[in-house]
Amino acid sequence: MQDIAGCRLILPDMVVQEEVIERLRRAFAKVVIIDRRQHPSHGYRAVHVIAASRQKVVEIQVRTALQHLWAELSEKLSDVIHQAIKYGGGEPRIHDLLMKLSVTIGDFEDLEVNLGGVDSHKQLESMKHGLRNLLEYIINRPEIIGGEDAIFD
């Protein structure tokens, strides 16, 4: 059965993401969790919480800010270049770029969860800011993702 409603939650990091997933798990009597963080789908990382409410199925996408930026980049590349990009197809160098960015985000978020302490936190925040800026830069530069002078055609 397909869901009839859906929403997306964008959270600052994986620690908060885990807390929200656990709250959603407790809030609904019937819940299926699809965790695409450890085994991404064509680079896509997120957690989908599929819950039944009043005999209806609702899908809640739970993403970190970095996971969301990656998904936006993938969507934009699919819109501008080719729909197959979202599903692992399209030009190999675009696919490779998305996969490398996805792995980098996964590695960063794993590090973020496993490290503690004030100094580590400051360094991680600086790294996250840089990674977020890089993703936003790529998303917002038409000459990088498509158009007449595109790097990826």
N, C-alpha and C. Protein backbone atom coordinates (compact mmCIF):
# COMPACT_ATOMS: atom_id res chain seq x y z
N MET A 1 0.84 -1.19 0.00
CA MET A 1 0.00 0.00 0.00
C MET A 1 0.88 1.25 0.00
N GLN A 2 0.56 2.20 -0.81
CA GLN A 2 1.28 3.47 -0.88
C GLN A 2 0.84 4.38 0.26
N ASP A 3 1.73 5.29 0.64
CA ASP A 3 1.33 6.26 1.65
C ASP A 3 0.39 7.28 1.03
N ILE A 4 -0.45 7.87 1.87
CA ILE A 4 -1.39 8.87 1.37
C ILE A 4 -0.98 10.27 1.80
N ALA A 5 -0.04 10.32 2.72
CA ALA A 5 0.43 11.62 3.19
C ALA A 5 1.90 11.47 3.56
N GLY A 6 2.59 12.57 3.53
CA GLY A 6 3.99 12.52 3.90
C GLY A 6 4.49 13.88 4.34
N CYS A 7 5.59 13.84 5.03
CA CYS A 7 6.24 15.09 5.42
C CYS A 7 7.73 14.82 5.58
N ARG A 8 8.48 15.87 5.70
CA ARG A 8 9.93 15.76 5.83
C ARG A 8 10.36 16.60 7.01
N LEU A 9 11.18 16.00 7.86
CA LEU A 9 11.78 16.72 8.98
C LEU A 9 13.26 16.87 8.69
N ILE A 10 13.77 18.09 8.77
CA ILE A 10 15.18 18.36 8.53
C ILE A 10 15.77 18.81 9.86
N LEU A 11 16.73 18.03 10.34
CA LEU A 11 17.27 18.22 11.68
C LEU A 11 18.76 18.56 11.61
N PRO A 12 19.30 19.17 12.66
CA PRO A 12 20.67 19.66 12.59
C PRO A 12 21.74 18.57 12.50
N ASP A 13 21.51 17.40 13.13
CA ASP A 13 22.55 16.38 13.12
C ASP A 13 21.95 15.01 13.43
N MET A 14 22.80 13.98 13.42
CA MET A 14 22.32 12.62 13.63
C MET A 14 21.88 12.35 15.06
N VAL A 15 22.44 13.05 16.02
CA VAL A 15 22.02 12.86 17.41
C VAL A 15 20.54 13.25 17.55
N VAL A 16 20.19 14.40 17.03
CA VAL A 16 18.80 14.85 17.06
C VAL A 16 17.94 13.95 16.18
N GLN A 17 18.48 13.53 15.03
CA GLN A 17 17.75 12.63 14.14
C GLN A 17 17.36 11.35 14.89
N GLU A 18 18.29 10.77 15.62
CA GLU A 18 18.00 9.55 16.38
C GLU A 18 16.92 9.78 17.43
N GLU A 19 17.00 10.93 18.12
CA GLU A 19 16.00 11.25 19.14
C GLU A 19 14.60 11.36 18.52
N VAL A 20 14.51 12.02 17.39
CA VAL A 20 13.21 12.21 16.72
C VAL A 20 12.67 10.87 16.22
N ILE A 21 13.54 10.04 15.66
CA ILE A 21 13.10 8.72 15.18
C ILE A 21 12.53 7.91 16.34
N GLU A 22 13.21 7.95 17.48
CA GLU A 22 12.71 7.21 18.64
C GLU A 22 11.38 7.76 19.13
N ARG A 23 11.21 9.06 19.11
CA ARG A 23 9.92 9.66 19.51
C ARG A 23 8.81 9.25 18.55
N LEU A 24 9.11 9.23 17.27
CA LEU A 24 8.11 8.81 16.28
C LEU A 24 7.75 7.34 16.47
N ARG A 25 8.76 6.53 16.76
CA ARG A 25 8.53 5.10 16.99
C ARG A 25 7.55 4.90 18.16
N ARG A 26 7.70 5.70 19.20
CA ARG A 26 6.82 5.59 20.37
C ARG A 26 5.45 6.23 20.15
N ALA A 27 5.38 7.19 19.23
CA ALA A 27 4.12 7.93 19.02
C ALA A 27 3.06 7.14 18.26
N PHE A 28 3.49 6.18 17.46
CA PHE A 28 2.56 5.41 16.63
C PHE A 28 2.57 3.95 17.06
N ALA A 29 1.41 3.34 17.01
CA ALA A 29 1.30 1.93 17.39
C ALA A 29 1.95 1.02 16.35
N LYS A 30 1.84 1.39 15.08
CA LYS A 30 2.37 0.57 14.00
C LYS A 30 3.35 1.41 13.18
N VAL A 31 4.64 1.01 13.22
CA VAL A 31 5.69 1.79 12.58
C VAL A 31 6.67 0.85 11.87
N VAL A 32 7.06 1.25 10.66
CA VAL A 32 8.14 0.58 9.94
C VAL A 32 9.23 1.63 9.73
N ILE A 33 10.47 1.28 10.07
CA ILE A 33 11.59 2.19 9.91
C ILE A 33 12.45 1.70 8.75
N ILE A 34 12.70 2.57 7.79
CA ILE A 34 13.62 2.27 6.68
C ILE A 34 14.81 3.22 6.84
N ASP A 35 15.93 2.64 7.24
CA ASP A 35 17.13 3.43 7.55
C ASP A 35 18.11 3.31 6.38
N ARG A 36 18.23 4.41 5.64
CA ARG A 36 19.13 4.42 4.47
C ARG A 36 20.45 5.13 4.78
N ARG A 37 20.81 5.21 6.03
CA ARG A 37 22.08 5.87 6.37
C ARG A 37 23.25 4.92 6.21
N GLN A 38 23.12 3.70 6.70
CA GLN A 38 24.21 2.74 6.59
C GLN A 38 24.27 2.06 5.23
N HIS A 39 23.12 1.95 4.59
CA HIS A 39 23.04 1.34 3.26
C HIS A 39 22.24 2.27 2.36
N PRO A 40 22.90 3.35 1.89
CA PRO A 40 22.19 4.35 1.07
C PRO A 40 21.67 3.77 -0.24
N SER A 41 20.62 4.39 -0.72
CA SER A 41 20.04 4.03 -2.01
C SER A 41 20.58 5.01 -3.05
N HIS A 42 21.53 4.56 -3.85
CA HIS A 42 22.18 5.40 -4.87
C HIS A 42 22.76 6.68 -4.25
N GLY A 43 23.25 6.57 -3.03
CA GLY A 43 23.84 7.70 -2.33
C GLY A 43 22.88 8.42 -1.40
N TYR A 44 21.58 8.18 -1.55
CA TYR A 44 20.56 8.85 -0.74
C TYR A 44 20.60 8.32 0.68
N ARG A 45 20.75 9.24 1.64
CA ARG A 45 20.78 8.90 3.06
C ARG A 45 19.65 9.61 3.76
N ALA A 46 18.89 8.87 4.51
CA ALA A 46 17.81 9.43 5.33
C ALA A 46 17.18 8.26 6.07
N VAL A 47 16.26 8.58 6.94
CA VAL A 47 15.46 7.55 7.59
C VAL A 47 14.01 7.86 7.25
N HIS A 48 13.29 6.85 6.79
CA HIS A 48 11.87 7.00 6.50
C HIS A 48 11.11 6.23 7.58
N VAL A 49 10.22 6.94 8.23
CA VAL A 49 9.35 6.34 9.23
C VAL A 49 7.97 6.22 8.59
N ILE A 50 7.53 4.99 8.42
CA ILE A 50 6.23 4.76 7.80
C ILE A 50 5.29 4.31 8.93
N ALA A 51 4.28 5.12 9.16
CA ALA A 51 3.39 4.89 10.30
C ALA A 51 1.95 4.82 9.84
N ALA A 52 1.18 4.06 10.59
CA ALA A 52 -0.26 3.98 10.34
C ALA A 52 -0.97 4.87 11.35
N SER A 53 -1.84 5.71 10.85
CA SER A 53 -2.64 6.58 11.70
C SER A 53 -4.06 6.59 11.16
N ARG A 54 -5.01 6.18 11.99
CA ARG A 54 -6.42 6.13 11.59
C ARG A 54 -6.60 5.30 10.32
N GLN A 55 -5.93 4.17 10.28
CA GLN A 55 -6.03 3.24 9.16
C GLN A 55 -5.42 3.78 7.87
N LYS A 56 -4.66 4.85 7.96
CA LYS A 56 -4.00 5.44 6.80
C LYS A 56 -2.49 5.37 7.01
N VAL A 57 -1.76 5.26 5.90
CA VAL A 57 -0.31 5.18 5.96
C VAL A 57 0.30 6.56 5.69
N VAL A 58 1.23 6.94 6.56
CA VAL A 58 1.91 8.23 6.46
C VAL A 58 3.41 7.98 6.44
N GLU A 59 4.11 8.63 5.52
CA GLU A 59 5.57 8.51 5.48
C GLU A 59 6.19 9.80 5.99
N ILE A 60 7.11 9.64 6.92
CA ILE A 60 7.83 10.80 7.47
C ILE A 60 9.30 10.61 7.15
N GLN A 61 9.83 11.50 6.31
CA GLN A 61 11.26 11.47 6.00
C GLN A 61 11.98 12.25 7.08
N VAL A 62 13.00 11.62 7.66
CA VAL A 62 13.77 12.27 8.72
C VAL A 62 15.21 12.39 8.21
N ARG A 63 15.62 13.63 7.93
CA ARG A 63 16.95 13.88 7.37
C ARG A 63 17.73 14.85 8.24
N THR A 64 19.05 14.72 8.19
CA THR A 64 19.89 15.78 8.74
C THR A 64 19.99 16.87 7.68
N ALA A 65 20.51 18.02 8.08
CA ALA A 65 20.67 19.12 7.13
C ALA A 65 21.60 18.71 5.98
N LEU A 66 22.67 17.97 6.28
CA LEU A 66 23.58 17.55 5.22
C LEU A 66 22.93 16.51 4.31
N GLN A 67 22.20 15.58 4.88
CA GLN A 67 21.49 14.59 4.06
C GLN A 67 20.50 15.29 3.14
N HIS A 68 19.85 16.31 3.66
CA HIS A 68 18.88 17.06 2.86
C HIS A 68 19.55 17.82 1.72
N LEU A 69 20.68 18.45 1.98
CA LEU A 69 21.39 19.16 0.92
C LEU A 69 21.83 18.20 -0.18
N TRP A 70 22.31 17.02 0.21
CA TRP A 70 22.69 16.03 -0.80
C TRP A 70 21.47 15.67 -1.64
N ALA A 71 20.34 15.43 -1.01
CA ALA A 71 19.12 15.06 -1.75
C ALA A 71 18.69 16.19 -2.68
N GLU A 72 18.80 17.43 -2.23
CA GLU A 72 18.46 18.56 -3.10
C GLU A 72 19.39 18.62 -4.31
N LEU A 73 20.68 18.38 -4.09
CA LEU A 73 21.63 18.37 -5.20
C LEU A 73 21.26 17.27 -6.19
N SER A 74 20.98 16.08 -5.70
CA SER A 74 20.60 14.97 -6.57
C SER A 74 19.34 15.30 -7.38
N GLU A 75 18.36 15.89 -6.72
CA GLU A 75 17.12 16.30 -7.41
C GLU A 75 17.40 17.34 -8.49
N LYS A 76 18.22 18.33 -8.15
CA LYS A 76 18.51 19.39 -9.11
C LYS A 76 19.26 18.83 -10.32
N LEU A 77 20.24 17.97 -10.07
CA LEU A 77 20.97 17.35 -11.18
C LEU A 77 20.02 16.51 -12.04
N SER A 78 19.08 15.83 -11.40
CA SER A 78 18.10 15.03 -12.15
C SER A 78 17.21 15.91 -13.00
N ASP A 79 16.82 17.05 -12.45
CA ASP A 79 15.95 17.98 -13.20
C ASP A 79 16.68 18.61 -14.38
N VAL A 80 17.93 18.98 -14.18
CA VAL A 80 18.68 19.73 -15.18
C VAL A 80 19.34 18.83 -16.21
N ILE A 81 19.84 17.68 -15.78
CA ILE A 81 20.64 16.85 -16.68
C ILE A 81 19.88 15.62 -17.16
N HIS A 82 19.46 14.76 -16.20
CA HIS A 82 18.74 13.55 -16.59
C HIS A 82 18.11 12.89 -15.37
N GLN A 83 16.84 12.46 -15.53
CA GLN A 83 16.09 11.84 -14.42
C GLN A 83 16.78 10.60 -13.85
N ALA A 84 17.54 9.89 -14.66
CA ALA A 84 18.18 8.65 -14.21
C ALA A 84 19.20 8.87 -13.10
N ILE A 85 19.66 10.09 -12.94
CA ILE A 85 20.67 10.39 -11.92
C ILE A 85 20.17 10.00 -10.53
N LYS A 86 18.90 10.24 -10.24
CA LYS A 86 18.35 9.92 -8.92
C LYS A 86 18.41 8.42 -8.62
N TYR A 87 18.47 7.63 -9.65
CA TYR A 87 18.41 6.18 -9.47
C TYR A 87 19.72 5.50 -9.83
N GLY A 88 20.82 6.26 -9.74
CA GLY A 88 22.14 5.69 -9.97
C GLY A 88 22.57 5.66 -11.42
N GLY A 89 21.76 6.23 -12.31
CA GLY A 89 22.10 6.22 -13.73
C GLY A 89 22.72 7.54 -14.15
N GLY A 90 22.69 7.77 -15.42
CA GLY A 90 23.25 9.00 -15.95
C GLY A 90 24.75 8.90 -16.16
N GLU A 91 25.34 10.03 -16.42
CA GLU A 91 26.77 10.09 -16.70
C GLU A 91 27.59 9.62 -15.50
N PRO A 92 28.56 8.73 -15.71
CA PRO A 92 29.34 8.17 -14.59
C PRO A 92 30.02 9.22 -13.70
N ARG A 93 30.53 10.30 -14.28
CA ARG A 93 31.24 11.26 -13.43
C ARG A 93 30.28 12.02 -12.51
N ILE A 94 29.04 12.20 -12.91
CA ILE A 94 28.05 12.82 -12.03
C ILE A 94 27.68 11.85 -10.92
N HIS A 95 27.44 10.60 -11.31
CA HIS A 95 27.15 9.56 -10.32
C HIS A 95 28.29 9.45 -9.32
N ASP A 96 29.52 9.45 -9.81
CA ASP A 96 30.69 9.35 -8.92
C ASP A 96 30.76 10.54 -7.95
N LEU A 97 30.48 11.74 -8.46
CA LEU A 97 30.48 12.93 -7.60
C LEU A 97 29.45 12.77 -6.48
N LEU A 98 28.23 12.37 -6.84
CA LEU A 98 27.18 12.20 -5.83
C LEU A 98 27.56 11.12 -4.82
N MET A 99 28.14 10.03 -5.29
CA MET A 99 28.52 8.95 -4.38
C MET A 99 29.64 9.41 -3.43
N LYS A 100 30.61 10.13 -3.96
CA LYS A 100 31.71 10.61 -3.10
C LYS A 100 31.18 11.59 -2.06
N LEU A 101 30.28 12.48 -2.46
CA LEU A 101 29.68 13.41 -1.50
C LEU A 101 28.86 12.66 -0.46
N SER A 102 28.13 11.65 -0.88
CA SER A 102 27.33 10.85 0.06
C SER A 102 28.22 10.14 1.08
N VAL A 103 29.29 9.53 0.60
CA VAL A 103 30.22 8.84 1.51
C VAL A 103 30.86 9.84 2.47
N THR A 104 31.24 10.99 1.97
CA THR A 104 31.84 12.03 2.82
C THR A 104 30.86 12.46 3.91
N ILE A 105 29.60 12.68 3.53
CA ILE A 105 28.58 13.05 4.51
C ILE A 105 28.41 11.93 5.54
N GLY A 106 28.34 10.70 5.09
CA GLY A 106 28.20 9.56 6.01
C GLY A 106 29.37 9.46 6.96
N ASP A 107 30.58 9.59 6.43
CA ASP A 107 31.77 9.54 7.28
C ASP A 107 31.77 10.67 8.30
N PHE A 108 31.42 11.86 7.83
CA PHE A 108 31.37 13.01 8.73
C PHE A 108 30.35 12.79 9.84
N GLU A 109 29.15 12.35 9.47
CA GLU A 109 28.09 12.18 10.47
C GLU A 109 28.43 11.05 11.45
N ASP A 110 29.08 9.99 10.98
CA ASP A 110 29.53 8.95 11.89
C ASP A 110 30.55 9.50 12.88
N LEU A 111 31.46 10.30 12.38
CA LEU A 111 32.48 10.93 13.23
C LEU A 111 31.81 11.85 14.25
N GLU A 112 30.83 12.60 13.79
CA GLU A 112 30.11 13.54 14.64
C GLU A 112 29.43 12.81 15.81
N VAL A 113 28.85 11.65 15.54
CA VAL A 113 28.17 10.87 16.57
C VAL A 113 29.18 10.27 17.56
N ASN A 114 30.32 9.82 17.04
CA ASN A 114 31.27 9.08 17.87
C ASN A 114 32.25 9.94 18.65
N LEU A 115 32.43 11.19 18.27
CA LEU A 115 33.36 12.07 18.99
C LEU A 115 32.60 12.92 19.98
N GLY A 116 33.26 13.27 21.03
CA GLY A 116 32.65 14.14 22.03
C GLY A 116 33.64 15.20 22.45
N GLY A 117 33.24 15.99 23.40
CA GLY A 117 34.14 17.02 23.91
C GLY A 117 33.98 18.33 23.18
N VAL A 118 34.28 19.40 23.88
CA VAL A 118 34.10 20.75 23.35
C VAL A 118 35.00 21.01 22.15
N ASP A 119 36.27 20.65 22.24
CA ASP A 119 37.20 20.90 21.12
C ASP A 119 36.78 20.14 19.87
N SER A 120 36.42 18.87 20.04
CA SER A 120 35.97 18.06 18.91
C SER A 120 34.71 18.67 18.30
N HIS A 121 33.80 19.11 19.17
CA HIS A 121 32.54 19.69 18.69
C HIS A 121 32.80 20.93 17.86
N LYS A 122 33.71 21.80 18.29
CA LYS A 122 34.03 23.01 17.54
C LYS A 122 34.62 22.67 16.17
N GLN A 123 35.52 21.71 16.13
CA GLN A 123 36.12 21.30 14.87
C GLN A 123 35.06 20.71 13.94
N LEU A 124 34.19 19.88 14.49
CA LEU A 124 33.15 19.27 13.67
C LEU A 124 32.19 20.31 13.12
N GLU A 125 31.83 21.29 13.93
CA GLU A 125 30.93 22.34 13.46
C GLU A 125 31.57 23.11 12.32
N SER A 126 32.86 23.37 12.42
CA SER A 126 33.57 24.07 11.35
C SER A 126 33.59 23.23 10.07
N MET A 127 33.85 21.92 10.22
CA MET A 127 33.85 21.03 9.06
C MET A 127 32.46 20.95 8.45
N LYS A 128 31.43 20.85 9.29
CA LYS A 128 30.05 20.76 8.80
C LYS A 128 29.68 22.02 8.03
N HIS A 129 30.08 23.16 8.55
CA HIS A 129 29.80 24.43 7.89
C HIS A 129 30.45 24.44 6.49
N GLY A 130 31.69 23.99 6.41
CA GLY A 130 32.37 23.94 5.12
C GLY A 130 31.70 22.99 4.14
N LEU A 131 31.29 21.82 4.62
CA LEU A 131 30.62 20.85 3.76
C LEU A 131 29.27 21.38 3.31
N ARG A 132 28.53 22.01 4.20
CA ARG A 132 27.23 22.60 3.86
C ARG A 132 27.43 23.69 2.79
N ASN A 133 28.45 24.54 2.97
CA ASN A 133 28.72 25.59 1.99
C ASN A 133 29.07 25.01 0.62
N LEU A 134 29.85 23.93 0.61
CA LEU A 134 30.21 23.30 -0.65
C LEU A 134 28.96 22.78 -1.37
N LEU A 135 28.09 22.08 -0.66
CA LEU A 135 26.87 21.55 -1.27
C LEU A 135 25.97 22.68 -1.77
N GLU A 136 25.80 23.72 -0.98
CA GLU A 136 24.97 24.85 -1.41
C GLU A 136 25.57 25.55 -2.63
N TYR A 137 26.89 25.65 -2.66
CA TYR A 137 27.57 26.26 -3.80
C TYR A 137 27.28 25.48 -5.08
N ILE A 138 27.41 24.15 -5.00
CA ILE A 138 27.16 23.32 -6.18
C ILE A 138 25.70 23.44 -6.63
N ILE A 139 24.77 23.40 -5.67
CA ILE A 139 23.35 23.49 -6.00
C ILE A 139 23.02 24.80 -6.70
N ASN A 140 23.63 25.88 -6.26
CA ASN A 140 23.27 27.22 -6.74
C ASN A 140 24.09 27.73 -7.91
N ARG A 141 24.95 26.92 -8.47
CA ARG A 141 25.78 27.36 -9.59
C ARG A 141 25.36 26.65 -10.86
N PRO A 142 24.56 27.30 -11.70
CA PRO A 142 24.08 26.65 -12.92
C PRO A 142 25.22 26.20 -13.84
N GLU A 143 26.33 26.91 -13.84
CA GLU A 143 27.43 26.51 -14.72
C GLU A 143 28.07 25.20 -14.28
N ILE A 144 27.82 24.79 -13.05
CA ILE A 144 28.36 23.52 -12.58
C ILE A 144 27.42 22.38 -12.92
N ILE A 145 26.11 22.58 -12.73
CA ILE A 145 25.20 21.46 -12.89
C ILE A 145 24.43 21.42 -14.21
N GLY A 146 24.52 22.41 -15.01
CA GLY A 146 23.82 22.35 -16.29
C GLY A 146 23.93 23.64 -17.05
N GLY A 147 23.45 23.62 -18.23
CA GLY A 147 23.49 24.83 -19.04
C GLY A 147 24.57 24.76 -20.10
N GLU A 148 24.70 25.85 -20.79
CA GLU A 148 25.59 25.93 -21.95
C GLU A 148 27.05 25.67 -21.61
N ASP A 149 27.54 26.20 -20.49
CA ASP A 149 28.95 26.02 -20.11
C ASP A 149 29.11 25.02 -18.99
N ALA A 150 28.24 24.05 -18.89
CA ALA A 150 28.23 23.12 -17.77
C ALA A 150 29.48 22.26 -17.73
N ILE A 151 29.92 22.00 -16.53
CA ILE A 151 30.98 21.05 -16.31
C ILE A 151 30.44 19.65 -16.55
N PHE A 152 29.19 19.42 -16.10
CA PHE A 152 28.57 18.10 -16.24
C PHE A 152 27.53 18.15 -17.34
N ASP A 153 27.89 17.79 -18.56
CA ASP A 153 26.92 17.66 -19.66
C ASP A 153 26.90 16.22 -20.10
